[in-house]
Amino acid sequence: LGYVRFRMIYDKTGTPVDYKVLDSNYAAEKIIGCL
């Protein structure tokens, strides 16, 4: 099973603009297609 843990990145207004991958397993990387 694919597993990914993200951390959201917000701008100054509190709007989510991006995210950062904190953790993932091999299945998730295979599904998404990259490290």
Full PDB file with SEQRES, HELIX, SHEET, SSBOND, CRYST1, ORIGX, SCALE, CONECT and MASTER records, all heavy atoms in Angstrom:
SEQRES   1 A   35  LEU GLY TYR VAL ARG PHE ARG MET ILE TYR ASP LYS THR          
SEQRES   2 A   35  GLY THR PRO VAL ASP TYR LYS VAL LEU ASP SER ASN TYR          
SEQRES   3 A   35  ALA ALA GLU LYS ILE ILE GLY CYS LEU                          
HELIX    1 AA1 TYR A   26  ILE A   32  1                                   7    
SHEET    1 AA1 2 VAL A   4  TYR A  10  0                                        
SHEET    2 AA1 2 PRO A  16  SER A  24 -1                                        
CRYST1    1.000    1.000    1.000  90.00  90.00  90.00 P 1           1          
ORIGX1      1.000000  0.000000  0.000000        0.00000                         
ORIGX2      0.000000  1.000000  0.000000        0.00000                         
ORIGX3      0.000000  0.000000  1.000000        0.00000                         
SCALE1      1.000000  0.000000  0.000000        0.00000                         
SCALE2      0.000000  1.000000  0.000000        0.00000                         
SCALE3      0.000000  0.000000  1.000000        0.00000                         
ATOM      1  N   LEU A   1       0.841  -1.197   0.000  1.00  0.00           N  
ATOM      2  CA  LEU A   1       0.000   0.000   0.000  1.00  0.00           C  
ATOM      3  C   LEU A   1       0.876   1.246   0.000  1.00  0.00           C  
ATOM      4  O   LEU A   1       1.857   1.328   0.733  1.00  0.00           O  
ATOM      5  CB  LEU A   1      -0.909   0.011   1.238  1.00  0.00           C  
ATOM      6  CG  LEU A   1      -1.888  -1.162   1.356  1.00  0.00           C  
ATOM      7  CD1 LEU A   1      -2.660  -1.055   2.669  1.00  0.00           C  
ATOM      8  CD2 LEU A   1      -2.849  -1.188   0.177  1.00  0.00           C  
ATOM      9  N   GLY A   2       0.513   2.203  -0.825  1.00  0.00           N  
ATOM     10  CA  GLY A   2       1.262   3.451  -0.873  1.00  0.00           C  
ATOM     11  C   GLY A   2       0.991   4.311   0.342  1.00  0.00           C  
ATOM     12  O   GLY A   2      -0.142   4.437   0.810  1.00  0.00           O  
ATOM     13  N   TYR A   3       2.045   4.895   0.882  1.00  0.00           N  
ATOM     14  CA  TYR A   3       1.917   5.756   2.061  1.00  0.00           C  
ATOM     15  C   TYR A   3       2.796   6.987   1.863  1.00  0.00           C  
ATOM     16  O   TYR A   3       3.985   6.869   1.545  1.00  0.00           O  
ATOM     17  CB  TYR A   3       2.338   5.010   3.322  1.00  0.00           C  
ATOM     18  CG  TYR A   3       2.518   5.910   4.522  1.00  0.00           C  
ATOM     19  CD1 TYR A   3       1.424   6.308   5.288  1.00  0.00           C  
ATOM     20  CD2 TYR A   3       3.784   6.364   4.881  1.00  0.00           C  
ATOM     21  CE1 TYR A   3       1.583   7.138   6.385  1.00  0.00           C  
ATOM     22  CE2 TYR A   3       3.947   7.204   5.984  1.00  0.00           C  
ATOM     23  CZ  TYR A   3       2.851   7.593   6.726  1.00  0.00           C  
ATOM     24  OH  TYR A   3       3.005   8.415   7.801  1.00  0.00           O  
ATOM     25  N   VAL A   4       2.199   8.163   2.021  1.00  0.00           N  
ATOM     26  CA  VAL A   4       2.947   9.421   1.930  1.00  0.00           C  
ATOM     27  C   VAL A   4       2.488  10.335   3.060  1.00  0.00           C  
ATOM     28  O   VAL A   4       1.278  10.469   3.313  1.00  0.00           O  
ATOM     29  CB  VAL A   4       2.728  10.141   0.583  1.00  0.00           C  
ATOM     30  CG1 VAL A   4       3.580  11.404   0.524  1.00  0.00           C  
ATOM     31  CG2 VAL A   4       3.042   9.235  -0.587  1.00  0.00           C  
ATOM     32  N   ARG A   5       3.419  10.957   3.716  1.00  0.00           N  
ATOM     33  CA  ARG A   5       3.085  11.940   4.765  1.00  0.00           C  
ATOM     34  C   ARG A   5       3.599  13.307   4.306  1.00  0.00           C  
ATOM     35  O   ARG A   5       4.780  13.451   3.975  1.00  0.00           O  
ATOM     36  CB  ARG A   5       3.701  11.543   6.108  1.00  0.00           C  
ATOM     37  CG  ARG A   5       3.339  12.482   7.250  1.00  0.00           C  
ATOM     38  CD  ARG A   5       3.593  11.798   8.598  1.00  0.00           C  
ATOM     39  NE  ARG A   5       4.990  11.487   8.789  1.00  0.00           N  
ATOM     40  CZ  ARG A   5       5.848  12.268   9.458  1.00  0.00           C  
ATOM     41  NH1 ARG A   5       5.427  13.426   9.983  1.00  0.00           N  
ATOM     42  NH2 ARG A   5       7.094  11.906   9.615  1.00  0.00           N  
ATOM     43  N   PHE A   6       2.694  14.278   4.271  1.00  0.00           N  
ATOM     44  CA  PHE A   6       3.011  15.610   3.779  1.00  0.00           C  
ATOM     45  C   PHE A   6       3.001  16.633   4.910  1.00  0.00           C  
ATOM     46  O   PHE A   6       2.340  16.434   5.933  1.00  0.00           O  
ATOM     47  CB  PHE A   6       1.993  16.070   2.730  1.00  0.00           C  
ATOM     48  CG  PHE A   6       1.905  15.208   1.511  1.00  0.00           C  
ATOM     49  CD1 PHE A   6       0.897  14.260   1.387  1.00  0.00           C  
ATOM     50  CD2 PHE A   6       2.817  15.350   0.476  1.00  0.00           C  
ATOM     51  CE1 PHE A   6       0.801  13.467   0.259  1.00  0.00           C  
ATOM     52  CE2 PHE A   6       2.731  14.566  -0.653  1.00  0.00           C  
ATOM     53  CZ  PHE A   6       1.731  13.626  -0.769  1.00  0.00           C  
ATOM     54  N   ARG A   7       3.663  17.735   4.645  1.00  0.00           N  
ATOM     55  CA  ARG A   7       3.484  18.940   5.471  1.00  0.00           C  
ATOM     56  C   ARG A   7       3.091  20.075   4.533  1.00  0.00           C  
ATOM     57  O   ARG A   7       3.797  20.373   3.556  1.00  0.00           O  
ATOM     58  CB  ARG A   7       4.773  19.318   6.204  1.00  0.00           C  
ATOM     59  CG  ARG A   7       4.562  20.500   7.167  1.00  0.00           C  
ATOM     60  CD  ARG A   7       5.847  20.894   7.854  1.00  0.00           C  
ATOM     61  NE  ARG A   7       6.764  21.527   6.884  1.00  0.00           N  
ATOM     62  CZ  ARG A   7       8.019  21.889   7.177  1.00  0.00           C  
ATOM     63  NH1 ARG A   7       8.508  21.624   8.370  1.00  0.00           N  
ATOM     64  NH2 ARG A   7       8.764  22.468   6.258  1.00  0.00           N  
ATOM     65  N   MET A   8       1.988  20.704   4.812  1.00  0.00           N  
ATOM     66  CA  MET A   8       1.509  21.784   3.963  1.00  0.00           C  
ATOM     67  C   MET A   8       2.350  23.043   4.166  1.00  0.00           C  
ATOM     68  O   MET A   8       2.810  23.335   5.284  1.00  0.00           O  
ATOM     69  CB  MET A   8       0.042  22.095   4.261  1.00  0.00           C  
ATOM     70  CG  MET A   8      -0.914  20.945   3.982  1.00  0.00           C  
ATOM     71  SD  MET A   8      -0.821  20.337   2.272  1.00  0.00           S  
ATOM     72  CE  MET A   8      -1.278  21.834   1.367  1.00  0.00           C  
ATOM     73  N   ILE A   9       2.518  23.797   3.076  1.00  0.00           N  
ATOM     74  CA  ILE A   9       3.249  25.060   3.109  1.00  0.00           C  
ATOM     75  C   ILE A   9       2.251  26.179   2.793  1.00  0.00           C  
ATOM     76  O   ILE A   9       1.528  26.116   1.788  1.00  0.00           O  
ATOM     77  CB  ILE A   9       4.403  25.061   2.080  1.00  0.00           C  
ATOM     78  CG1 ILE A   9       5.395  23.942   2.418  1.00  0.00           C  
ATOM     79  CG2 ILE A   9       5.100  26.424   2.049  1.00  0.00           C  
ATOM     80  CD1 ILE A   9       6.487  23.771   1.391  1.00  0.00           C  
ATOM     81  N   TYR A  10       2.208  27.208   3.647  1.00  0.00           N  
ATOM     82  CA  TYR A  10       1.235  28.287   3.522  1.00  0.00           C  
ATOM     83  C   TYR A  10       1.939  29.610   3.216  1.00  0.00           C  
ATOM     84  O   TYR A  10       3.091  29.824   3.632  1.00  0.00           O  
ATOM     85  CB  TYR A  10       0.434  28.435   4.818  1.00  0.00           C  
ATOM     86  CG  TYR A  10      -0.323  27.188   5.212  1.00  0.00           C  
ATOM     87  CD1 TYR A  10       0.271  26.212   6.008  1.00  0.00           C  
ATOM     88  CD2 TYR A  10      -1.638  27.001   4.801  1.00  0.00           C  
ATOM     89  CE1 TYR A  10      -0.421  25.061   6.366  1.00  0.00           C  
ATOM     90  CE2 TYR A  10      -2.344  25.857   5.160  1.00  0.00           C  
ATOM     91  CZ  TYR A  10      -1.729  24.893   5.938  1.00  0.00           C  
ATOM     92  OH  TYR A  10      -2.411  23.766   6.280  1.00  0.00           O  
ATOM     93  N   ASP A  11       1.203  30.474   2.510  1.00  0.00           N  
ATOM     94  CA  ASP A  11       1.753  31.819   2.299  1.00  0.00           C  
ATOM     95  C   ASP A  11       1.393  32.698   3.489  1.00  0.00           C  
ATOM     96  O   ASP A  11       0.820  32.221   4.486  1.00  0.00           O  
ATOM     97  CB  ASP A  11       1.252  32.411   0.974  1.00  0.00           C  
ATOM     98  CG  ASP A  11      -0.266  32.596   0.951  1.00  0.00           C  
ATOM     99  OD1 ASP A  11      -0.887  32.548   2.032  1.00  0.00           O  
ATOM    100  OD2 ASP A  11      -0.824  32.797  -0.146  1.00  0.00           O  
ATOM    101  N   LYS A  12       1.670  34.003   3.371  1.00  0.00           N  
ATOM    102  CA  LYS A  12       1.453  34.909   4.490  1.00  0.00           C  
ATOM    103  C   LYS A  12      -0.011  35.075   4.842  1.00  0.00           C  
ATOM    104  O   LYS A  12      -0.354  35.478   5.965  1.00  0.00           O  
ATOM    105  CB  LYS A  12       2.063  36.274   4.167  1.00  0.00           C  
ATOM    106  CG  LYS A  12       3.582  36.248   4.076  1.00  0.00           C  
ATOM    107  CD  LYS A  12       4.142  37.623   3.780  1.00  0.00           C  
ATOM    108  CE  LYS A  12       5.664  37.591   3.702  1.00  0.00           C  
ATOM    109  NZ  LYS A  12       6.232  38.944   3.413  1.00  0.00           N  
ATOM    110  N   THR A  13      -0.874  34.777   3.905  1.00  0.00           N  
ATOM    111  CA  THR A  13      -2.318  34.902   4.175  1.00  0.00           C  
ATOM    112  C   THR A  13      -2.924  33.624   4.741  1.00  0.00           C  
ATOM    113  O   THR A  13      -4.122  33.579   5.025  1.00  0.00           O  
ATOM    114  CB  THR A  13      -3.068  35.272   2.878  1.00  0.00           C  
ATOM    115  OG1 THR A  13      -2.965  34.185   1.939  1.00  0.00           O  
ATOM    116  CG2 THR A  13      -2.487  36.543   2.268  1.00  0.00           C  
ATOM    117  N   GLY A  14      -2.103  32.609   4.857  1.00  0.00           N  
ATOM    118  CA  GLY A  14      -2.612  31.343   5.379  1.00  0.00           C  
ATOM    119  C   GLY A  14      -3.165  30.425   4.325  1.00  0.00           C  
ATOM    120  O   GLY A  14      -3.770  29.387   4.655  1.00  0.00           O  
ATOM    121  N   THR A  15      -2.957  30.787   3.065  1.00  0.00           N  
ATOM    122  CA  THR A  15      -3.442  29.949   1.978  1.00  0.00           C  
ATOM    123  C   THR A  15      -2.407  28.884   1.632  1.00  0.00           C  
ATOM    124  O   THR A  15      -1.223  29.208   1.462  1.00  0.00           O  
ATOM    125  CB  THR A  15      -3.710  30.793   0.723  1.00  0.00           C  
ATOM    126  OG1 THR A  15      -4.661  31.820   1.045  1.00  0.00           O  
ATOM    127  CG2 THR A  15      -4.241  29.939  -0.417  1.00  0.00           C  
ATOM    128  N   PRO A  16      -2.816  27.598   1.539  1.00  0.00           N  
ATOM    129  CA  PRO A  16      -1.848  26.554   1.173  1.00  0.00           C  
ATOM    130  C   PRO A  16      -1.368  26.749  -0.263  1.00  0.00           C  
ATOM    131  O   PRO A  16      -2.184  26.905  -1.184  1.00  0.00           O  
ATOM    132  CB  PRO A  16      -2.630  25.262   1.344  1.00  0.00           C  
ATOM    133  CG  PRO A  16      -4.066  25.650   1.257  1.00  0.00           C  
ATOM    134  CD  PRO A  16      -4.158  27.038   1.803  1.00  0.00           C  
ATOM    135  N   VAL A  17      -0.050  26.788  -0.442  1.00  0.00           N  
ATOM    136  CA  VAL A  17       0.525  27.012  -1.766  1.00  0.00           C  
ATOM    137  C   VAL A  17       1.392  25.852  -2.234  1.00  0.00           C  
ATOM    138  O   VAL A  17       1.716  25.761  -3.418  1.00  0.00           O  
ATOM    139  CB  VAL A  17       1.351  28.316  -1.793  1.00  0.00           C  
ATOM    140  CG1 VAL A  17       0.451  29.516  -1.559  1.00  0.00           C  
ATOM    141  CG2 VAL A  17       2.477  28.269  -0.763  1.00  0.00           C  
ATOM    142  N   ASP A  18       1.788  24.985  -1.337  1.00  0.00           N  
ATOM    143  CA  ASP A  18       2.648  23.857  -1.720  1.00  0.00           C  
ATOM    144  C   ASP A  18       2.658  22.864  -0.565  1.00  0.00           C  
ATOM    145  O   ASP A  18       1.998  23.068   0.461  1.00  0.00           O  
ATOM    146  CB  ASP A  18       4.070  24.347  -2.029  1.00  0.00           C  
ATOM    147  CG  ASP A  18       4.793  23.439  -3.021  1.00  0.00           C  
ATOM    148  OD1 ASP A  18       4.359  22.280  -3.176  1.00  0.00           O  
ATOM    149  OD2 ASP A  18       5.781  23.882  -3.627  1.00  0.00           O  
ATOM    150  N   TYR A  19       3.406  21.832  -0.737  1.00  0.00           N  
ATOM    151  CA  TYR A  19       3.570  20.860   0.346  1.00  0.00           C  
ATOM    152  C   TYR A  19       4.967  20.262   0.277  1.00  0.00           C  
ATOM    153  O   TYR A  19       5.647  20.358  -0.747  1.00  0.00           O  
ATOM    154  CB  TYR A  19       2.511  19.751   0.265  1.00  0.00           C  
ATOM    155  CG  TYR A  19       2.537  18.949  -1.026  1.00  0.00           C  
ATOM    156  CD1 TYR A  19       3.412  17.869  -1.178  1.00  0.00           C  
ATOM    157  CD2 TYR A  19       1.676  19.264  -2.078  1.00  0.00           C  
ATOM    158  CE1 TYR A  19       3.425  17.138  -2.345  1.00  0.00           C  
ATOM    159  CE2 TYR A  19       1.699  18.530  -3.251  1.00  0.00           C  
ATOM    160  CZ  TYR A  19       2.573  17.466  -3.387  1.00  0.00           C  
ATOM    161  OH  TYR A  19       2.600  16.735  -4.539  1.00  0.00           O  
ATOM    162  N   LYS A  20       5.357  19.666   1.384  1.00  0.00           N  
ATOM    163  CA  LYS A  20       6.667  19.015   1.473  1.00  0.00           C  
ATOM    164  C   LYS A  20       6.460  17.573   1.903  1.00  0.00           C  
ATOM    165  O   LYS A  20       5.705  17.303   2.847  1.00  0.00           O  
ATOM    166  CB  LYS A  20       7.566  19.731   2.475  1.00  0.00           C  
ATOM    167  CG  LYS A  20       8.952  19.115   2.596  1.00  0.00           C  
ATOM    168  CD  LYS A  20       9.812  19.899   3.586  1.00  0.00           C  
ATOM    169  CE  LYS A  20      11.211  19.277   3.677  1.00  0.00           C  
ATOM    170  NZ  LYS A  20      12.068  20.024   4.636  1.00  0.00           N  
ATOM    171  N   VAL A  21       7.119  16.659   1.201  1.00  0.00           N  
ATOM    172  CA  VAL A  21       7.017  15.241   1.549  1.00  0.00           C  
ATOM    173  C   VAL A  21       7.924  14.962   2.739  1.00  0.00           C  
ATOM    174  O   VAL A  21       9.123  15.206   2.690  1.00  0.00           O  
ATOM    175  CB  VAL A  21       7.412  14.347   0.359  1.00  0.00           C  
ATOM    176  CG1 VAL A  21       7.390  12.876   0.781  1.00  0.00           C  
ATOM    177  CG2 VAL A  21       6.471  14.575  -0.812  1.00  0.00           C  
ATOM    178  N   LEU A  22       7.327  14.496   3.803  1.00  0.00           N  
ATOM    179  CA  LEU A  22       8.092  14.155   5.001  1.00  0.00           C  
ATOM    180  C   LEU A  22       8.488  12.688   5.034  1.00  0.00           C  
ATOM    181  O   LEU A  22       9.522  12.328   5.578  1.00  0.00           O  
ATOM    182  CB  LEU A  22       7.281  14.495   6.260  1.00  0.00           C  
ATOM    183  CG  LEU A  22       6.883  15.956   6.425  1.00  0.00           C  
ATOM    184  CD1 LEU A  22       6.053  16.113   7.696  1.00  0.00           C  
ATOM    185  CD2 LEU A  22       8.109  16.860   6.469  1.00  0.00           C  
ATOM    186  N   ASP A  23       7.637  11.838   4.463  1.00  0.00           N  
ATOM    187  CA  ASP A  23       7.905  10.405   4.528  1.00  0.00           C  
ATOM    188  C   ASP A  23       7.081   9.710   3.451  1.00  0.00           C  
ATOM    189  O   ASP A  23       5.989  10.159   3.101  1.00  0.00           O  
ATOM    190  CB  ASP A  23       7.517   9.859   5.909  1.00  0.00           C  
ATOM    191  CG  ASP A  23       8.153   8.509   6.188  1.00  0.00           C  
ATOM    192  OD1 ASP A  23       8.999   8.081   5.370  1.00  0.00           O  
ATOM    193  OD2 ASP A  23       7.809   7.899   7.204  1.00  0.00           O  
ATOM    194  N   SER A  24       7.633   8.623   2.920  1.00  0.00           N  
ATOM    195  CA  SER A  24       6.890   7.834   1.940  1.00  0.00           C  
ATOM    196  C   SER A  24       7.506   6.451   1.864  1.00  0.00           C  
ATOM    197  O   SER A  24       8.641   6.247   2.300  1.00  0.00           O  
ATOM    198  CB  SER A  24       6.938   8.497   0.555  1.00  0.00           C  
ATOM    199  OG  SER A  24       8.264   8.494   0.035  1.00  0.00           O  
ATOM    200  N   ASN A  25       6.756   5.512   1.322  1.00  0.00           N  
ATOM    201  CA  ASN A  25       7.306   4.174   1.161  1.00  0.00           C  
ATOM    202  C   ASN A  25       7.506   3.862  -0.324  1.00  0.00           C  
ATOM    203  O   ASN A  25       7.159   4.649  -1.212  1.00  0.00           O  
ATOM    204  CB  ASN A  25       6.453   3.117   1.859  1.00  0.00           C  
ATOM    205  CG  ASN A  25       5.087   2.956   1.211  1.00  0.00           C  
ATOM    206  OD1 ASN A  25       4.730   3.704   0.303  1.00  0.00           O  
ATOM    207  ND2 ASN A  25       4.320   1.978   1.677  1.00  0.00           N  
ATOM    208  N   TYR A  26       8.051   2.687  -0.583  1.00  0.00           N  
ATOM    209  CA  TYR A  26       8.405   2.289  -1.945  1.00  0.00           C  
ATOM    210  C   TYR A  26       7.184   2.233  -2.858  1.00  0.00           C  
ATOM    211  O   TYR A  26       7.231   2.665  -4.016  1.00  0.00           O  
ATOM    212  CB  TYR A  26       9.101   0.936  -1.912  1.00  0.00           C  
ATOM    213  CG  TYR A  26       9.424   0.369  -3.279  1.00  0.00           C  
ATOM    214  CD1 TYR A  26      10.483   0.854  -4.028  1.00  0.00           C  
ATOM    215  CD2 TYR A  26       8.640  -0.648  -3.832  1.00  0.00           C  
ATOM    216  CE1 TYR A  26      10.775   0.344  -5.282  1.00  0.00           C  
ATOM    217  CE2 TYR A  26       8.915  -1.167  -5.078  1.00  0.00           C  
ATOM    218  CZ  TYR A  26       9.991  -0.673  -5.802  1.00  0.00           C  
ATOM    219  OH  TYR A  26      10.264  -1.169  -7.041  1.00  0.00           O  
ATOM    220  N   ALA A  27       6.064   1.724  -2.337  1.00  0.00           N  
ATOM    221  CA  ALA A  27       4.856   1.594  -3.156  1.00  0.00           C  
ATOM    222  C   ALA A  27       4.352   2.954  -3.615  1.00  0.00           C  
ATOM    223  O   ALA A  27       3.934   3.132  -4.759  1.00  0.00           O  
ATOM    224  CB  ALA A  27       3.767   0.855  -2.377  1.00  0.00           C  
ATOM    225  N   ALA A  28       4.407   3.964  -2.718  1.00  0.00           N  
ATOM    226  CA  ALA A  28       3.958   5.304  -3.091  1.00  0.00           C  
ATOM    227  C   ALA A  28       4.837   5.894  -4.178  1.00  0.00           C  
ATOM    228  O   ALA A  28       4.345   6.513  -5.128  1.00  0.00           O  
ATOM    229  CB  ALA A  28       3.948   6.203  -1.865  1.00  0.00           C  
ATOM    230  N   GLU A  29       6.128   5.711  -4.047  1.00  0.00           N  
ATOM    231  CA  GLU A  29       7.054   6.238  -5.051  1.00  0.00           C  
ATOM    232  C   GLU A  29       6.847   5.554  -6.397  1.00  0.00           C  
ATOM    233  O   GLU A  29       6.943   6.180  -7.458  1.00  0.00           O  
ATOM    234  CB  GLU A  29       8.486   6.064  -4.559  1.00  0.00           C  
ATOM    235  CG  GLU A  29       8.807   6.945  -3.354  1.00  0.00           C  
ATOM    236  CD  GLU A  29      10.153   6.623  -2.729  1.00  0.00           C  
ATOM    237  OE1 GLU A  29      10.784   5.628  -3.177  1.00  0.00           O  
ATOM    238  OE2 GLU A  29      10.570   7.348  -1.820  1.00  0.00           O  
ATOM    239  N   LYS A  30       6.529   4.257  -6.364  1.00  0.00           N  
ATOM    240  CA  LYS A  30       6.284   3.529  -7.606  1.00  0.00           C  
ATOM    241  C   LYS A  30       4.995   3.999  -8.264  1.00  0.00           C  
ATOM    242  O   LYS A  30       4.915   4.155  -9.494  1.00  0.00           O  
ATOM    243  CB  LYS A  30       6.224   2.028  -7.319  1.00  0.00           C  
ATOM    244  CG  LYS A  30       6.149   1.163  -8.566  1.00  0.00           C  
ATOM    245  CD  LYS A  30       6.209  -0.310  -8.205  1.00  0.00           C  
ATOM    246  CE  LYS A  30       6.149  -1.175  -9.467  1.00  0.00           C  
ATOM    247  NZ  LYS A  30       6.204  -2.628  -9.128  1.00  0.00           N  
ATOM    248  N   ILE A  31       3.947   4.249  -7.471  1.00  0.00           N  
ATOM    249  CA  ILE A  31       2.668   4.708  -8.004  1.00  0.00           C  
ATOM    250  C   ILE A  31       2.810   6.096  -8.623  1.00  0.00           C  
ATOM    251  O   ILE A  31       2.350   6.371  -9.728  1.00  0.00           O  
ATOM    252  CB  ILE A  31       1.597   4.719  -6.893  1.00  0.00           C  
ATOM    253  CG1 ILE A  31       1.277   3.285  -6.460  1.00  0.00           C  
ATOM    254  CG2 ILE A  31       0.332   5.436  -7.368  1.00  0.00           C  
ATOM    255  CD1 ILE A  31       0.440   3.202  -5.201  1.00  0.00           C  
ATOM    256  N   ILE A  32       3.479   7.004  -7.897  1.00  0.00           N  
ATOM    257  CA  ILE A  32       3.629   8.375  -8.375  1.00  0.00           C  
ATOM    258  C   ILE A  32       4.645   8.459  -9.513  1.00  0.00           C  
ATOM    259  O   ILE A  32       4.528   9.266 -10.423  1.00  0.00           O  
ATOM    260  CB  ILE A  32       4.007   9.308  -7.209  1.00  0.00           C  
ATOM    261  CG1 ILE A  32       2.858   9.346  -6.197  1.00  0.00           C  
ATOM    262  CG2 ILE A  32       4.343  10.711  -7.686  1.00  0.00           C  
ATOM    263  CD1 ILE A  32       3.170  10.119  -4.942  1.00  0.00           C  
ATOM    264  N   GLY A  33       5.662   7.608  -9.436  1.00  0.00           N  
ATOM    265  CA  GLY A  33       6.617   7.536 -10.536  1.00  0.00           C  
ATOM    266  C   GLY A  33       7.892   8.291 -10.326  1.00  0.00           C  
ATOM    267  O   GLY A  33       8.618   8.573 -11.278  1.00  0.00           O  
ATOM    268  N   CYS A  34       8.199   8.661  -9.085  1.00  0.00           N  
ATOM    269  CA  CYS A  34       9.475   9.330  -8.823  1.00  0.00           C  
ATOM    270  C   CYS A  34       9.840   9.129  -7.371  1.00  0.00           C  
ATOM    271  O   CYS A  34       9.019   8.728  -6.549  1.00  0.00           O  
ATOM    272  CB  CYS A  34       9.385  10.826  -9.135  1.00  0.00           C  
ATOM    273  SG  CYS A  34       8.371  11.745  -7.954  1.00  0.00           S  
ATOM    274  N   LEU A  35      11.097   9.435  -7.070  1.00  0.00           N  
ATOM    275  CA  LEU A  35      11.524   9.438  -5.684  1.00  0.00           C  
ATOM    276  C   LEU A  35      11.044  10.740  -5.072  1.00  0.00           C  
ATOM    277  O   LEU A  35      11.523  11.823  -5.436  1.00  0.00           O  
ATOM    278  CB  LEU A  35      13.052   9.326  -5.587  1.00  0.00           C  
ATOM    279  CG  LEU A  35      13.657   8.005  -6.069  1.00  0.00           C  
ATOM    280  CD1 LEU A  35      15.183   8.080  -6.010  1.00  0.00           C  
ATOM    281  CD2 LEU A  35      13.157   6.846  -5.244  1.00  0.00           C  
TER     282      LEU A  35                                                      
MASTER        0    0    0    1    2    0    0    6  281    1    0    3          
END                                                                             
